[in-house]
Amino acid sequence: MPFRFWIGFWVMVALLIIVAFELSFLVRYITRFTEECFACLVAVIFIYEAFHKLSDIREHQPVHIGQSCSRY
């Protein structure tokens, strides 16, 4: 646990420095591999959220297959 704490602490310090001095322009120096990994992560998060919302809809508004509808 202390190892994870120190990793998190130093990442936090680095990110605070980046934010404080507006060093976001340095992103263009990141390798294409890192950019593709980040894009893949974002895509996976969007896909996961879509399926999660679909499962919530299915739980709250189930589809009744095979039942006749008397209104039509």
Protein backbone atom coordinates (compact mmCIF):
# COMPACT_ATOMS: atom_id res chain seq x y z
CA MET A 1 0.00 0.00 0.00
CA PRO A 2 2.75 2.58 0.70
CA PHE A 3 4.17 1.92 -2.77
CA ARG A 4 0.84 2.81 -4.39
CA PHE A 5 0.57 5.88 -2.20
CA TRP A 6 3.94 7.22 -3.34
CA ILE A 7 3.16 6.54 -6.99
CA GLY A 8 -0.13 8.38 -6.64
CA PHE A 9 1.52 11.22 -4.74
CA TRP A 10 4.19 11.82 -7.39
CA VAL A 11 1.67 11.58 -10.21
CA MET A 12 -0.45 14.15 -8.37
CA VAL A 13 2.55 16.48 -7.98
CA ALA A 14 3.46 16.15 -11.66
CA LEU A 15 -0.11 16.82 -12.77
CA LEU A 16 -0.42 19.84 -10.49
CA ILE A 17 2.76 21.29 -12.01
CA ILE A 18 1.46 20.63 -15.52
CA VAL A 19 -1.86 22.31 -14.71
CA ALA A 20 -0.30 25.22 -12.80
CA PHE A 21 2.06 26.15 -15.64
CA GLU A 22 -0.36 25.24 -18.47
CA LEU A 23 2.03 22.72 -19.99
CA SER A 24 -0.68 20.96 -21.98
CA PHE A 25 1.06 22.03 -25.22
CA LEU A 26 3.63 19.31 -24.46
CA VAL A 27 1.05 16.71 -25.46
CA ARG A 28 2.24 16.96 -29.06
CA TYR A 29 5.53 15.35 -27.98
CA ILE A 30 3.80 12.22 -26.71
CA THR A 31 4.44 9.22 -28.92
CA ARG A 32 1.75 7.95 -31.26
CA PHE A 33 1.56 4.69 -29.27
CA THR A 34 0.54 6.58 -26.14
CA GLU A 35 -2.00 8.59 -28.10
CA GLU A 36 -3.50 5.42 -29.57
CA CYS A 37 -3.65 3.76 -26.13
CA PHE A 38 -5.47 6.77 -24.72
CA ALA A 39 -7.90 6.83 -27.66
CA CYS A 40 -8.56 3.11 -27.16
CA LEU A 41 -9.22 3.67 -23.46
CA VAL A 42 -11.72 6.43 -24.23
CA ALA A 43 -13.46 4.22 -26.80
CA VAL A 44 -13.69 1.31 -24.35
CA ILE A 45 -15.16 3.61 -21.70
CA PHE A 46 -17.82 4.88 -24.12
CA ILE A 47 -18.69 1.34 -25.22
CA TYR A 48 -18.88 0.13 -21.61
CA GLU A 49 -21.13 3.04 -20.64
CA ALA A 50 -23.44 2.33 -23.60
CA PHE A 51 -23.87 -1.32 -22.62
CA HIS A 52 -24.29 -0.37 -18.97
CA LYS A 53 -27.09 2.06 -19.85
CA LEU A 54 -28.71 -0.54 -22.10
CA SER A 55 -28.74 -3.03 -19.23
CA ASP A 56 -30.28 -0.42 -16.94
CA ILE A 57 -33.00 0.26 -19.50
CA ARG A 58 -33.62 -3.47 -19.87
CA GLU A 59 -34.03 -3.85 -16.10
CA HIS A 60 -36.40 -0.90 -15.71
CA GLN A 61 -38.31 -1.22 -19.00
CA PRO A 62 -38.26 -4.92 -19.98
CA VAL A 63 -39.36 -6.02 -23.43
CA HIS A 64 -42.22 -8.52 -23.34
CA ILE A 65 -41.69 -10.89 -26.24
CA GLY A 66 -44.37 -13.39 -27.20
CA GLN A 67 -47.25 -11.68 -25.43
CA SER A 68 -50.15 -10.57 -27.56
CA CYS A 69 -51.21 -6.98 -27.32
CA SER A 70 -54.97 -6.57 -27.08
CA ARG A 71 -54.99 -2.90 -28.09
CA TYR A 72 -54.20 -3.58 -31.77
